[in-house]
PDB file of N, CA and C in Angstrom:
ATOM      1  N   MET A   1      49.818 -12.500  70.859  1.00  0.00           N
ATOM      2  CA  MET A   1      48.434 -13.020  70.393  1.00  0.00           C
ATOM      3  C   MET A   1      48.844 -14.048  69.202  1.00  0.00           C
ATOM      4  N   GLU A   2      48.070 -14.698  69.139  1.00  0.00           N
ATOM      5  CA  GLU A   2      47.880 -15.602  68.106  1.00  0.00           C
ATOM      6  C   GLU A   2      48.219 -15.332  67.310  1.00  0.00           C
ATOM      7  N   LYS A   3      48.565 -16.045  65.925  1.00  0.00           N
ATOM      8  CA  LYS A   3      48.535 -14.856  64.413  1.00  0.00           C
ATOM      9  C   LYS A   3      48.494 -15.904  63.600  1.00  0.00           C
ATOM     10  N   SER A   4      47.752 -16.237  62.608  1.00  0.00           N
ATOM     11  CA  SER A   4      47.698 -16.776  61.432  1.00  0.00           C
ATOM     12  C   SER A   4      48.560 -16.402  60.001  1.00  0.00           C
ATOM     13  N   ARG A   5      49.059 -17.262  59.456  1.00  0.00           N
ATOM     14  CA  ARG A   5      49.373 -16.502  57.920  1.00  0.00           C
ATOM     15  C   ARG A   5      48.634 -16.103  56.864  1.00  0.00           C
ATOM     16  N   ILE A   6      48.258 -15.932  56.115  1.00  0.00           N
ATOM     17  CA  ILE A   6      48.035 -15.417  55.198  1.00  0.00           C
ATOM     18  C   ILE A   6      48.303 -16.445  53.975  1.00  0.00           C
ATOM     19  N   LYS A   7      47.368 -16.912  53.293  1.00  0.00           N
ATOM     20  CA  LYS A   7      48.064 -17.964  52.470  1.00  0.00           C
ATOM     21  C   LYS A   7      48.420 -17.530  51.271  1.00  0.00           C
ATOM     22  N   ASN A   8      49.911 -18.178  50.904  1.00  0.00           N
ATOM     23  CA  ASN A   8      50.761 -17.223  49.903  1.00  0.00           C
ATOM     24  C   ASN A   8      51.426 -16.129  49.970  1.00  0.00           C
ATOM     25  N   SER A   9      52.059 -16.079  51.348  1.00  0.00           N
ATOM     26  CA  SER A   9      52.003 -14.604  51.551  1.00  0.00           C
ATOM     27  C   SER A   9      52.734 -14.900  52.975  1.00  0.00           C
ATOM     28  N   ASN A  10      53.500 -13.869  53.586  1.00  0.00           N
ATOM     29  CA  ASN A  10      54.521 -13.636  54.673  1.00  0.00           C
ATOM     30  C   ASN A  10      53.962 -12.430  55.170  1.00  0.00           C
ATOM     31  N   ILE A  11      52.426 -12.556  55.492  1.00  0.00           N
ATOM     32  CA  ILE A  11      51.424 -11.418  56.010  1.00  0.00           C
ATOM     33  C   ILE A  11      51.010 -12.671  56.714  1.00  0.00           C
ATOM     34  N   ARG A  12      50.937 -12.201  58.255  1.00  0.00           N
ATOM     35  CA  ARG A  12      50.666 -12.899  59.114  1.00  0.00           C
ATOM     36  C   ARG A  12      49.280 -11.690  59.896  1.00  0.00           C
ATOM     37  N   ILE A  13      48.353 -12.490  60.367  1.00  0.00           N
ATOM     38  CA  ILE A  13      47.356 -11.116  61.088  1.00  0.00           C
ATOM     39  C   ILE A  13      46.997 -12.222  62.258  1.00  0.00           C
ATOM     40  N   SER A  14      46.099 -11.137  63.285  1.00  0.00           N
ATOM     41  CA  SER A  14      46.314 -11.794  64.160  1.00  0.00           C
ATOM     42  C   SER A  14      44.446 -12.724  64.032  1.00  0.00           C
ATOM     43  N   LYS A  15      44.604 -13.873  65.103  1.00  0.00           N
ATOM     44  CA  LYS A  15      43.474 -14.231  65.149  1.00  0.00           C
ATOM     45  C   LYS A  15      42.306 -13.788  65.755  1.00  0.00           C
ATOM     46  N   LEU A  16      42.224 -12.689  66.809  1.00  0.00           N
ATOM     47  CA  LEU A  16      41.574 -11.598  67.376  1.00  0.00           C
ATOM     48  C   LEU A  16      41.840 -10.307  66.259  1.00  0.00           C
ATOM     49  N   SER A  17      40.197 -10.284  66.179  1.00  0.00           N
ATOM     50  CA  SER A  17      40.121  -8.675  65.151  1.00  0.00           C
ATOM     51  C   SER A  17      39.209  -7.877  65.700  1.00  0.00           C
ATOM     52  N   PHE A  18      39.646  -6.534  65.803  1.00  0.00           N
ATOM     53  CA  PHE A  18      38.297  -5.525  66.397  1.00  0.00           C
ATOM     54  C   PHE A  18      37.663  -5.064  65.255  1.00  0.00           C
ATOM     55  N   GLY A  19      36.520  -5.462  66.005  1.00  0.00           N
ATOM     56  CA  GLY A  19      35.272  -4.447  65.420  1.00  0.00           C
ATOM     57  C   GLY A  19      34.812  -3.036  65.053  1.00  0.00           C
ATOM     58  N   THR A  20      34.943  -1.891  64.547  1.00  0.00           N
ATOM     59  CA  THR A  20      35.169  -0.728  64.552  1.00  0.00           C
ATOM     60  C   THR A  20      33.431  -0.418  64.535  1.00  0.00           C
ATOM     61  N   SER A  21      32.047  -1.250  64.400  1.00  0.00           N
ATOM     62  CA  SER A  21      31.220  -0.679  64.061  1.00  0.00           C
ATOM     63  C   SER A  21      30.670   0.330  65.347  1.00  0.00           C
ATOM     64  N   ALA A  22      30.721   0.116  66.374  1.00  0.00           N
ATOM     65  CA  ALA A  22      30.740   0.835  67.657  1.00  0.00           C
ATOM     66  C   ALA A  22      31.061   2.203  67.840  1.00  0.00           C
ATOM     67  N   LEU A  23      32.166   2.287  67.089  1.00  0.00           N
ATOM     68  CA  LEU A  23      33.145   3.165  67.014  1.00  0.00           C
ATOM     69  C   LEU A  23      31.988   4.589  65.775  1.00  0.00           C
ATOM     70  N   GLY A  24      31.236   3.885  65.247  1.00  0.00           N
ATOM     71  CA  GLY A  24      30.969   5.031  64.227  1.00  0.00           C
ATOM     72  C   GLY A  24      29.565   5.774  64.907  1.00  0.00           C
ATOM     73  N   ASP A  25      29.684   5.941  66.016  1.00  0.00           N
ATOM     74  CA  ASP A  25      28.631   6.632  67.182  1.00  0.00           C
ATOM     75  C   ASP A  25      27.478   6.517  66.491  1.00  0.00           C
ATOM     76  N   MET A  26      26.745   5.085  67.297  1.00  0.00           N
ATOM     77  CA  MET A  26      25.064   4.842  66.909  1.00  0.00           C
ATOM     78  C   MET A  26      24.466   4.299  67.955  1.00  0.00           C
ATOM     79  N   PRO A  27      23.455   5.276  68.969  1.00  0.00           N
ATOM     80  CA  PRO A  27      23.065   5.079  69.980  1.00  0.00           C
ATOM     81  C   PRO A  27      21.995   4.531  69.918  1.00  0.00           C
ATOM     82  N   ASP A  28      21.320   4.450  68.536  1.00  0.00           N
ATOM     83  CA  ASP A  28      20.465   3.775  68.575  1.00  0.00           C
ATOM     84  C   ASP A  28      19.916   1.874  68.622  1.00  0.00           C
ATOM     85  N   THR A  29      21.516   1.437  67.404  1.00  0.00           N
ATOM     86  CA  THR A  29      21.873   0.747  68.061  1.00  0.00           C
ATOM     87  C   THR A  29      22.479  -0.498  68.516  1.00  0.00           C
ATOM     88  N   TYR A  30      23.403   0.693  69.518  1.00  0.00           N
ATOM     89  CA  TYR A  30      24.294   0.210  70.825  1.00  0.00           C
ATOM     90  C   TYR A  30      23.811   0.486  71.868  1.00  0.00           C
ATOM     91  N   GLY A  31      22.518   1.788  71.716  1.00  0.00           N
ATOM     92  CA  GLY A  31      22.187   1.980  73.176  1.00  0.00           C
ATOM     93  C   GLY A  31      22.937   2.894  73.924  1.00  0.00           C
ATOM     94  N   TYR A  32      24.423   3.142  73.370  1.00  0.00           N
ATOM     95  CA  TYR A  32      25.334   4.272  73.897  1.00  0.00           C
ATOM     96  C   TYR A  32      25.494   4.868  72.597  1.00  0.00           C
ATOM     97  N   SER A  33      27.162   6.023  72.927  1.00  0.00           N
ATOM     98  CA  SER A  33      27.076   6.586  72.569  1.00  0.00           C
ATOM     99  C   SER A  33      28.896   7.047  72.180  1.00  0.00           C
ATOM    100  N   VAL A  34      29.792   7.096  71.425  1.00  0.00           N
ATOM    101  CA  VAL A  34      31.319   7.040  71.210  1.00  0.00           C
ATOM    102  C   VAL A  34      31.595   8.354  70.588  1.00  0.00           C
ATOM    103  N   ASP A  35      31.901   8.986  71.736  1.00  0.00           N
ATOM    104  CA  ASP A  35      32.401  10.278  70.937  1.00  0.00           C
ATOM    105  C   ASP A  35      33.653  10.191  70.669  1.00  0.00           C
ATOM    106  N   GLU A  36      33.966  11.276  70.068  1.00  0.00           N
ATOM    107  CA  GLU A  36      35.267  11.375  68.895  1.00  0.00           C
ATOM    108  C   GLU A  36      36.576  11.246  69.700  1.00  0.00           C
ATOM    109  N   GLY A  37      36.554  11.239  71.186  1.00  0.00           N
ATOM    110  CA  GLY A  37      37.760  11.414  71.568  1.00  0.00           C
ATOM    111  C   GLY A  37      37.705   9.962  72.086  1.00  0.00           C
ATOM    112  N   ARG A  38      36.994   8.991  72.649  1.00  0.00           N
ATOM    113  CA  ARG A  38      37.308   7.703  73.171  1.00  0.00           C
ATOM    114  C   ARG A  38      37.096   6.719  72.082  1.00  0.00           C
ATOM    115  N   ALA A  39      36.335   7.280  71.136  1.00  0.00           N
ATOM    116  CA  ALA A  39      37.104   6.649  69.584  1.00  0.00           C
ATOM    117  C   ALA A  39      38.388   6.276  68.953  1.00  0.00           C
ATOM    118  N   ARG A  40      39.448   7.652  69.235  1.00  0.00           N
ATOM    119  CA  ARG A  40      40.623   7.923  69.080  1.00  0.00           C
ATOM    120  C   ARG A  40      41.252   7.002  70.024  1.00  0.00           C
ATOM    121  N   GLU A  41      40.772   7.672  70.690  1.00  0.00           N
ATOM    122  CA  GLU A  41      42.029   7.133  72.472  1.00  0.00           C
ATOM    123  C   GLU A  41      41.937   5.161  72.087  1.00  0.00           C
ATOM    124  N   THR A  42      40.628   3.893  71.707  1.00  0.00           N
ATOM    125  CA  THR A  42      40.370   3.264  71.271  1.00  0.00           C
ATOM    126  C   THR A  42      41.065   2.529  70.361  1.00  0.00           C
ATOM    127  N   ILE A  43      41.425   3.545  69.313  1.00  0.00           N
ATOM    128  CA  ILE A  43      41.955   2.852  67.846  1.00  0.00           C
ATOM    129  C   ILE A  43      43.563   2.918  68.870  1.00  0.00           C
ATOM    130  N   ASN A  44      43.922   4.025  69.131  1.00  0.00           N
ATOM    131  CA  ASN A  44      45.448   3.975  69.660  1.00  0.00           C
ATOM    132  C   ASN A  44      45.313   3.048  70.469  1.00  0.00           C
ATOM    133  N   ALA A  45      44.923   2.474  71.393  1.00  0.00           N
ATOM    134  CA  ALA A  45      44.801   1.414  71.935  1.00  0.00           C
ATOM    135  C   ALA A  45      45.359   0.516  71.415  1.00  0.00           C
ATOM    136  N   ILE A  46      44.133   0.170  70.296  1.00  0.00           N
ATOM    137  CA  ILE A  46      44.262  -0.941  68.907  1.00  0.00           C
ATOM    138  C   ILE A  46      45.862  -1.116  68.364  1.00  0.00           C
ATOM    139  N   PHE A  47      46.341  -0.194  68.438  1.00  0.00           N
ATOM    140  CA  PHE A  47      47.459  -0.071  67.470  1.00  0.00           C
ATOM    141  C   PHE A  47      48.512   0.240  68.376  1.00  0.00           C
ATOM    142  N   ASP A  48      48.313   0.322  69.806  1.00  0.00           N
ATOM    143  CA  ASP A  48      49.599   0.379  70.656  1.00  0.00           C
ATOM    144  C   ASP A  48      49.692  -2.097  70.609  1.00  0.00           C
ATOM    145  N   SER A  49      48.516  -2.172  70.501  1.00  0.00           N
ATOM    146  CA  SER A  49      48.486  -3.816  71.044  1.00  0.00           C
ATOM    147  C   SER A  49      48.649  -4.141  70.309  1.00  0.00           C
ATOM    148  N   GLU A  50      48.706  -5.962  70.608  1.00  0.00           N
ATOM    149  CA  GLU A  50      49.623  -7.217  68.976  1.00  0.00           C
ATOM    150  C   GLU A  50      48.676  -7.234  67.853  1.00  0.00           C
ATOM    151  N   CYS A  51      46.646  -6.707  68.415  1.00  0.00           N
ATOM    152  CA  CYS A  51      46.304  -7.196  67.532  1.00  0.00           C
ATOM    153  C   CYS A  51      46.603  -5.913  66.161  1.00  0.00           C
ATOM    154  N   ASN A  52      46.374  -6.654  65.081  1.00  0.00           N
ATOM    155  CA  ASN A  52      46.968  -6.035  63.733  1.00  0.00           C
ATOM    156  C   ASN A  52      45.303  -6.078  62.174  1.00  0.00           C
ATOM    157  N   LEU A  53      44.563  -6.572  63.219  1.00  0.00           N
ATOM    158  CA  LEU A  53      43.906  -7.360  62.202  1.00  0.00           C
ATOM    159  C   LEU A  53      42.205  -5.450  61.977  1.00  0.00           C
ATOM    160  N   ILE A  54      41.191  -4.626  62.105  1.00  0.00           N
ATOM    161  CA  ILE A  54      40.870  -4.112  62.277  1.00  0.00           C
ATOM    162  C   ILE A  54      39.896  -4.686  60.561  1.00  0.00           C
ATOM    163  N   ASP A  55      38.207  -4.767  61.671  1.00  0.00           N
ATOM    164  CA  ASP A  55      37.201  -4.528  60.754  1.00  0.00           C
ATOM    165  C   ASP A  55      36.656  -3.399  60.434  1.00  0.00           C
ATOM    166  N   THR A  56      36.334  -2.535  59.862  1.00  0.00           N
ATOM    167  CA  THR A  56      35.743  -1.504  59.069  1.00  0.00           C
ATOM    168  C   THR A  56      35.018  -1.051  58.021  1.00  0.00           C
ATOM    169  N   SER A  57      34.215  -0.017  58.055  1.00  0.00           N
ATOM    170  CA  SER A  57      33.418  -0.199  56.638  1.00  0.00           C
ATOM    171  C   SER A  57      32.980   1.642  56.582  1.00  0.00           C
ATOM    172  N   ARG A  58      32.975   1.925  55.384  1.00  0.00           N
ATOM    173  CA  ARG A  58      32.194   3.262  55.242  1.00  0.00           C
ATOM    174  C   ARG A  58      31.003   3.143  55.622  1.00  0.00           C
ATOM    175  N   ASN A  59      30.200   1.966  55.255  1.00  0.00           N
ATOM    176  CA  ASN A  59      29.120   1.335  56.341  1.00  0.00           C
ATOM    177  C   ASN A  59      28.856   2.131  57.827  1.00  0.00           C
ATOM    178  N   TYR A  60      29.670   1.918  58.847  1.00  0.00           N
ATOM    179  CA  TYR A  60      29.276   1.952  60.012  1.00  0.00           C
ATOM    180  C   TYR A  60      29.768   3.363  60.442  1.00  0.00           C
ATOM    181  N   GLY A  61      28.413   3.566  61.436  1.00  0.00           N
ATOM    182  CA  GLY A  61      27.766   4.735  61.499  1.00  0.00           C
ATOM    183  C   GLY A  61      27.824   6.432  59.764  1.00  0.00           C
ATOM    184  N   PHE A  62      27.292   5.990  58.817  1.00  0.00           N
ATOM    185  CA  PHE A  62      27.612   6.474  57.922  1.00  0.00           C
ATOM    186  C   PHE A  62      29.050   7.229  57.565  1.00  0.00           C
ATOM    187  N   GLY A  63      29.865   6.050  57.732  1.00  0.00           N
ATOM    188  CA  GLY A  63      31.182   6.345  57.309  1.00  0.00           C
ATOM    189  C   GLY A  63      32.422   7.180  58.072  1.00  0.00           C
ATOM    190  N   ASN A  64      31.483   7.317  59.726  1.00  0.00           N
ATOM    191  CA  ASN A  64      31.880   7.636  61.106  1.00  0.00           C
ATOM    192  C   ASN A  64      32.973   6.899  61.749  1.00  0.00           C
ATOM    193  N   ALA A  65      32.897   5.826  61.714  1.00  0.00           N
ATOM    194  CA  ALA A  65      33.841   4.097  62.223  1.00  0.00           C
ATOM    195  C   ALA A  65      35.421   4.432  61.342  1.00  0.00           C
ATOM    196  N   GLU A  66      34.835   4.557  59.971  1.00  0.00           N
ATOM    197  CA  GLU A  66      36.550   4.930  59.327  1.00  0.00           C
ATOM    198  C   GLU A  66      37.182   6.559  59.780  1.00  0.00           C
ATOM    199  N   LYS A  67      36.189   7.034  59.637  1.00  0.00           N
ATOM    200  CA  LYS A  67      36.752   8.857  59.984  1.00  0.00           C
ATOM    201  C   LYS A  67      37.859   9.094  60.973  1.00  0.00           C
ATOM    202  N   ARG A  68      37.212   8.043  62.235  1.00  0.00           N
ATOM    203  CA  ARG A  68      38.052   8.185  63.718  1.00  0.00           C
ATOM    204  C   ARG A  68      39.303   7.680  63.226  1.00  0.00           C
TER     205      ARG A  68
END
């Protein structure tokens, strides 16, 4: 996976980011539910991949995306 260096640092981040808003279980927004187990499986798969940039917010699913 292609990575970029953050200016003035040695930190390299993947050019591809994973957004976690759907993991907050917001069926009214996305039209489907994501249960706790599926959310954890998804996060574990991301950690096992070359992607090292994860977009999360305490506002996604009222904090559920971050908690999971």
